[in-house]
Amino acid sequence: MSSSLLTNSTAMTALQTLRTTSAALSTTQNRISTGMRVATASDNAAYWSIATSMRADNAALSAVSDSLGLSAATVDTEYTALTSVLGSDGNSGLTKLQSLLVEAKTAGIDRSKIQSEVTQIQADMKNTASSATFNGVNWLSTTTATPATFDLVSSYSRVGSTPTTASITLTMSNYSLYTSSQGGFLDTATSGVSVDNMDISSLTDSTTDMATLDTYISAVTAAINSVSSAAADLGAVKNRISNNTEFVKTLMDSVTRGIGQLVDADMNAESTRLSALQTQQQLGIQALSIANNNSQSILSLFR
């Protein structure tokens, strides 16, 4: 092979190899420093696009998780108030009111004294319902400003480019104990009397008054059934929200793992590649040095 001072083919080949090795080394170093093999669209446009969409989905799922947390707190507040009004321990609420009315049927008993306790229970139940407010929301004591239904965001999904958000829809009339129009479980009046305003202090042992007491007991029993049904429904909603919360968290973990499989670098492989490329770079520099030195040997021919 002829030697030329103008064209050093060996040096050109060594330089091209060194450039290729340096570029690969730079790519590997970037992957190690970022932990990603697809950090930008130029690394792999398809994978980068998919990963970006999946990250957006994860952000939406995170918002759903936050919303479920808020919904769980709201439902728990209303459920706690309902069970308090129900008074499952028999010492308060509707169950205590029912027992007092039954006791009031005893001949010769002082019903005015029983009424004093009844009045306290009525006030306590109303106060409990009014206090069942979370984040400005109250389902037990409603006004005309209260919406007829309430939606609790429960899930998010995306098929292609179409996102879908699912909700748990609750009807407020199913939980209202008191309303501004007196249409709740406890303030709906029959013949002018409701659980909220019934008064037995003036009743006697007469047949007519005993029948009135029976009517009051029936009204309280019906209220117990209605409140129990409402509490059972909210209990089921509580379980649904809890299950959805766990599912959303698991789904977010799955999406995160999927993104990692698309764009994360295999650090074991990159570490091995880094060592190999550093060696190749050193050898490339040495080869280029040798190729350049070959041109210097031509000078000896002219000495």
Protein backbone atom coordinates (compact mmCIF):
# COMPACT_ATOMS: atom_id res chain seq x y z
CA MET A 1 0.00 0.00 0.00
CA SER A 2 1.39 3.41 -1.01
CA SER A 3 2.11 6.13 1.53
CA SER A 4 0.71 9.63 1.06
CA LEU A 5 1.26 12.81 2.95
CA LEU A 6 -2.06 14.23 1.73
CA THR A 7 -4.34 11.30 2.50
CA ASN A 8 -3.80 9.12 5.58
CA SER A 9 -6.42 6.40 5.08
CA THR A 10 -5.39 4.55 8.23
CA ALA A 11 -5.78 7.66 10.37
CA MET A 12 -9.13 8.44 8.75
CA THR A 13 -10.41 4.94 9.55
CA ALA A 14 -9.12 5.14 13.11
CA LEU A 15 -10.73 8.59 13.54
CA GLN A 16 -14.10 7.39 12.23
CA THR A 17 -14.01 4.42 14.59
CA LEU A 18 -13.11 6.72 17.49
CA ARG A 19 -16.00 9.05 16.65
CA THR A 20 -18.45 6.14 16.61
CA THR A 21 -17.14 4.85 19.91
CA SER A 22 -17.30 8.32 21.49
CA ALA A 23 -20.91 8.79 20.35
CA ALA A 24 -21.91 5.41 21.79
CA LEU A 25 -20.05 6.24 25.00
CA SER A 26 -21.89 9.56 25.30
CA THR A 27 -25.24 7.80 24.84
CA THR A 28 -24.37 5.24 27.50
CA GLN A 29 -23.20 7.92 29.92
CA ASN A 30 -26.49 9.81 29.42
CA ARG A 31 -28.47 6.66 30.13
CA ILE A 32 -26.51 6.03 33.31
CA SER A 33 -26.84 9.62 34.51
CA THR A 34 -30.62 9.81 33.81
CA GLY A 35 -31.48 6.16 34.42
CA MET A 36 -33.47 6.20 31.18
CA ARG A 37 -32.78 4.78 27.76
CA VAL A 38 -35.65 6.83 26.26
CA ALA A 39 -35.40 10.28 27.83
CA THR A 40 -36.46 12.34 24.81
CA ALA A 41 -38.50 11.79 21.67
CA SER A 42 -35.30 11.57 19.63
CA ASP A 43 -34.25 8.46 21.57
CA ASN A 44 -37.33 6.49 20.46
CA ALA A 45 -40.32 8.50 19.25
CA ALA A 46 -42.88 5.70 19.62
CA TYR A 47 -41.88 4.64 23.13
CA TRP A 48 -41.50 8.26 24.27
CA SER A 49 -45.02 9.08 23.02
CA ILE A 50 -46.55 6.04 24.73
CA ALA A 51 -44.72 6.76 27.98
CA THR A 52 -45.84 10.41 27.91
CA SER A 53 -49.49 9.37 27.49
CA MET A 54 -49.18 6.81 30.26
CA ARG A 55 -47.68 9.42 32.59
CA ALA A 56 -50.67 11.65 31.85
CA ASP A 57 -52.99 8.75 32.66
CA ASN A 58 -51.15 8.20 35.92
CA ALA A 59 -51.59 11.87 36.81
CA ALA A 60 -55.33 11.51 36.17
CA LEU A 61 -55.43 8.36 38.32
CA SER A 62 -53.62 10.25 41.07
CA ALA A 63 -56.37 12.88 40.93
CA VAL A 64 -58.99 10.11 41.13
CA SER A 65 -57.19 8.69 44.17
CA ASP A 66 -57.30 12.11 45.85
CA SER A 67 -60.98 12.47 44.97
CA LEU A 68 -61.72 9.03 46.40
CA GLY A 69 -60.01 10.07 49.62
CA LEU A 70 -62.24 13.14 49.83
CA SER A 71 -65.30 11.05 49.00
CA ALA A 72 -64.39 8.49 51.66
CA ALA A 73 -64.10 11.21 54.29
CA THR A 74 -67.45 12.72 53.26
CA VAL A 75 -69.28 9.38 53.28
CA ASP A 76 -67.70 8.43 56.60
CA THR A 77 -68.90 11.69 58.16
CA GLU A 78 -72.49 11.15 56.99
CA TYR A 79 -72.41 7.46 57.95
CA THR A 80 -71.15 8.24 61.45
CA ALA A 81 -73.91 10.80 61.95
CA LEU A 82 -76.59 8.39 60.71
CA THR A 83 -75.50 5.66 63.11
CA SER A 84 -75.44 8.20 65.92
CA VAL A 85 -79.00 9.31 65.12
CA LEU A 86 -80.02 5.67 64.93
CA GLY A 87 -78.51 5.07 68.35
CA SER A 88 -77.69 1.41 67.95
CA ASP A 89 -76.59 1.14 71.60
CA GLY A 90 -80.18 1.71 72.75
CA ASN A 91 -79.15 4.60 74.97
CA SER A 92 -79.61 7.41 72.50
CA GLY A 93 -81.20 8.41 69.24
CA LEU A 94 -84.21 6.78 67.65
CA THR A 95 -83.87 3.48 69.49
CA LYS A 96 -83.95 5.29 72.84
CA LEU A 97 -86.88 7.42 71.65
CA GLN A 98 -88.81 4.31 70.70
CA SER A 99 -88.23 2.72 74.11
CA LEU A 100 -89.37 5.91 75.86
CA LEU A 101 -92.61 5.97 73.87
CA VAL A 102 -93.25 2.35 74.72
CA GLU A 103 -92.59 3.16 78.37
CA ALA A 104 -95.05 6.05 78.10
CA LYS A 105 -97.88 3.57 77.51
CA THR A 106 -97.62 2.50 81.14
CA ALA A 107 -100.78 3.53 82.96
CA GLY A 108 -100.36 6.33 85.47
CA ILE A 109 -96.81 7.22 84.41
CA ASP A 110 -95.72 10.87 84.40
CA ARG A 111 -95.43 11.52 80.67
CA SER A 112 -94.25 15.11 81.15
CA LYS A 113 -91.03 13.80 82.65
CA ILE A 114 -90.60 11.36 79.79
CA GLN A 115 -91.22 14.23 77.39
CA SER A 116 -88.31 16.17 78.88
CA GLU A 117 -86.02 13.33 77.82
CA VAL A 118 -87.76 13.00 74.47
CA THR A 119 -87.16 16.71 73.85
CA GLN A 120 -83.43 16.30 74.54
CA ILE A 121 -83.21 13.36 72.13
CA GLN A 122 -85.02 15.33 69.44
CA ALA A 123 -82.64 18.26 69.85
CA ASP A 124 -79.61 15.98 69.92
CA MET A 125 -80.61 14.20 66.70
CA LYS A 126 -81.18 17.51 64.92
CA ASN A 127 -77.84 18.85 66.13
CA THR A 128 -76.09 15.67 64.98
CA ALA A 129 -77.61 15.98 61.51
CA SER A 130 -76.67 19.67 61.29
CA SER A 131 -73.10 18.88 62.36
CA ALA A 132 -72.62 16.18 59.72
CA THR A 133 -70.83 18.59 57.43
CA PHE A 134 -67.57 17.87 55.62
CA ASN A 135 -66.03 20.36 53.21
CA GLY A 136 -69.30 22.29 53.16
CA VAL A 137 -71.34 19.20 52.26
CA ASN A 138 -74.24 17.94 54.38
CA TRP A 139 -76.54 15.17 53.18
CA LEU A 140 -78.57 14.75 56.37
CA SER A 141 -79.79 18.30 56.89
CA THR A 142 -80.51 19.76 53.46
CA THR A 143 -81.75 23.06 52.08
CA THR A 144 -83.03 24.25 48.73
CA ALA A 145 -79.40 24.90 47.77
CA THR A 146 -78.50 21.24 48.24
CA PRO A 147 -78.31 19.44 44.85
CA ALA A 148 -80.69 16.54 44.28
CA THR A 149 -77.79 14.20 43.50
CA PHE A 150 -74.13 14.06 44.41
CA ASP A 151 -71.44 12.43 42.24
CA LEU A 152 -68.36 10.80 43.73
CA VAL A 153 -65.58 10.26 41.15
CA SER A 154 -64.63 6.58 41.32
CA SER A 155 -62.43 5.73 38.33
CA TYR A 156 -60.65 6.93 35.18
CA SER A 157 -59.79 5.06 32.00
CA ARG A 158 -58.68 5.88 28.47
CA VAL A 159 -59.32 3.81 25.36
CA GLY A 160 -57.36 5.25 22.45
CA SER A 161 -57.81 9.01 22.69
CA THR A 162 -61.15 8.83 24.53
CA PRO A 163 -60.99 9.32 28.32
CA THR A 164 -63.80 8.04 30.55
CA THR A 165 -64.52 9.04 34.13
CA ALA A 166 -66.95 6.97 36.21
CA SER A 167 -68.83 8.23 39.26
CA ILE A 168 -70.92 6.92 42.14
CA THR A 169 -74.16 8.89 42.08
CA LEU A 170 -75.99 9.37 45.38
CA THR A 171 -79.54 10.73 45.73
CA MET A 172 -79.79 13.14 48.63
CA SER A 173 -83.43 12.32 49.42
CA ASN A 174 -82.29 8.83 50.41
CA TYR A 175 -80.29 10.27 53.33
CA SER A 176 -82.08 13.48 54.33
CA LEU A 177 -83.22 13.45 57.95
CA TYR A 178 -84.25 17.11 57.90
CA THR A 179 -85.01 19.43 55.00
CA SER A 180 -85.88 23.09 54.75
CA SER A 181 -89.29 22.03 53.41
CA GLN A 182 -89.75 19.50 56.23
CA GLY A 183 -89.60 16.49 53.93
CA GLY A 184 -86.91 14.42 55.64
CA PHE A 185 -87.18 11.15 57.53
CA LEU A 186 -87.55 12.90 60.87
CA ASP A 187 -89.40 16.11 60.06
CA THR A 188 -92.06 14.88 57.64
CA ALA A 189 -95.34 15.48 59.44
CA THR A 190 -98.38 13.19 59.47
CA SER A 191 -101.46 14.97 60.75
CA GLY A 192 -99.18 17.78 61.89
CA VAL A 193 -96.88 15.53 63.93
CA SER A 194 -93.38 14.33 63.03
CA VAL A 195 -90.62 12.52 64.90
CA ASP A 196 -88.97 15.92 65.30
CA ASN A 197 -91.90 17.66 67.05
CA MET A 198 -94.00 14.94 68.70
CA ASP A 199 -94.98 15.79 72.28
CA ILE A 200 -96.50 13.35 74.79
CA SER A 201 -96.55 15.60 77.86
CA SER A 202 -100.29 16.23 77.67
CA LEU A 203 -101.36 12.65 76.87
CA THR A 204 -103.46 10.72 79.40
CA ASP A 205 -104.41 7.10 79.90
CA SER A 206 -107.46 7.49 77.69
CA THR A 207 -108.06 5.10 74.82
CA THR A 208 -107.68 7.94 72.33
CA ASP A 209 -104.33 9.03 73.76
CA MET A 210 -103.08 5.42 73.87
CA ALA A 211 -103.93 5.17 70.17
CA THR A 212 -101.99 8.40 69.62
CA LEU A 213 -98.99 6.87 71.37
CA ASP A 214 -99.25 3.83 69.12
CA THR A 215 -99.18 6.16 66.13
CA TYR A 216 -96.05 7.88 67.51
CA ILE A 217 -94.35 4.52 68.08
CA SER A 218 -95.17 3.45 64.54
CA ALA A 219 -93.72 6.71 63.19
CA VAL A 220 -90.48 6.22 65.13
CA THR A 221 -90.27 2.58 64.01
CA ALA A 222 -90.68 3.67 60.38
CA ALA A 223 -87.95 6.29 60.92
CA ILE A 224 -85.64 3.64 62.37
CA ASN A 225 -86.19 1.49 59.29
CA SER A 226 -85.52 4.42 56.94
CA VAL A 227 -82.36 5.55 58.76
CA SER A 228 -81.13 1.95 58.98
CA SER A 229 -81.60 1.57 55.24
CA ALA A 230 -79.75 4.83 54.59
CA ALA A 231 -76.88 3.78 56.87
CA ALA A 232 -76.67 0.37 55.19
CA ASP A 233 -76.54 2.05 51.78
CA LEU A 234 -73.74 4.40 52.87
CA GLY A 235 -71.92 1.43 54.38
CA ALA A 236 -71.98 -0.27 50.98
CA VAL A 237 -70.74 2.95 49.36
CA LYS A 238 -67.92 3.09 51.92
CA ASN A 239 -66.83 -0.42 50.93
CA ARG A 240 -67.04 0.42 47.23
CA ILE A 241 -64.90 3.52 47.68
CA SER A 242 -62.37 1.53 49.72
CA ASN A 243 -62.15 -1.15 47.01
CA ASN A 244 -61.83 1.47 44.27
CA THR A 245 -59.09 3.25 46.21
CA GLU A 246 -57.03 0.07 46.48
CA PHE A 247 -57.63 -0.73 42.81
CA VAL A 248 -56.57 2.75 41.66
CA LYS A 249 -53.37 2.55 43.70
CA THR A 250 -52.58 -0.90 42.28
CA LEU A 251 -53.37 0.34 38.77
CA MET A 252 -51.04 3.32 39.21
CA ASP A 253 -48.25 0.95 40.26
CA SER A 254 -48.90 -1.19 37.16
CA VAL A 255 -48.80 1.84 34.86
CA THR A 256 -45.56 3.00 36.49
CA ARG A 257 -44.00 -0.41 35.93
CA GLY A 258 -45.18 -0.33 32.32
CA ILE A 259 -43.55 3.06 31.76
CA GLY A 260 -40.35 1.73 33.31
CA GLN A 261 -40.27 -1.22 30.96
CA LEU A 262 -40.54 1.17 28.00
CA VAL A 263 -38.05 3.87 28.93
CA ASP A 264 -35.87 2.81 31.88
CA ALA A 265 -32.28 1.82 31.25
CA ASP A 266 -30.95 -1.60 32.29
CA MET A 267 -28.21 -0.35 34.59
CA ASN A 268 -26.40 -3.70 34.66
CA ALA A 269 -26.21 -3.75 30.88
CA GLU A 270 -25.28 -0.07 30.64
CA SER A 271 -22.51 -0.49 33.22
CA THR A 272 -21.04 -3.37 31.26
CA ARG A 273 -21.35 -1.41 28.01
CA LEU A 274 -19.68 1.62 29.60
CA SER A 275 -16.60 -0.41 30.55
CA ALA A 276 -16.38 -1.91 27.06
CA LEU A 277 -16.75 1.45 25.33
CA GLN A 278 -14.16 3.10 27.56
CA THR A 279 -11.72 0.36 26.59
CA GLN A 280 -12.63 0.77 22.90
CA GLN A 281 -12.12 4.52 23.19
CA GLN A 282 -8.68 4.08 24.67
CA LEU A 283 -7.76 1.60 21.93
CA GLY A 284 -9.17 3.97 19.29
CA ILE A 285 -7.02 6.81 20.59
CA GLN A 286 -4.01 4.51 20.51
CA ALA A 287 -4.83 3.37 16.95
CA LEU A 288 -5.19 6.97 15.78
CA SER A 289 -1.88 7.86 17.41
CA ILE A 290 -0.17 4.96 15.61
CA ALA A 291 -1.74 5.98 12.27
CA ASN A 292 -0.55 9.55 12.69
CA ASN A 293 2.94 8.39 13.65
CA ASN A 294 3.15 6.40 10.40
CA SER A 295 3.23 9.68 8.49
CA GLN A 296 6.17 10.85 10.60
CA SER A 297 8.19 7.80 9.48
CA ILE A 298 8.16 9.15 5.89
CA LEU A 299 10.47 11.96 7.01
CA SER A 300 13.22 9.44 7.70
CA LEU A 301 13.38 8.74 3.98
CA PHE A 302 14.57 12.30 3.37
CA ARG A 303 17.33 12.34 5.97
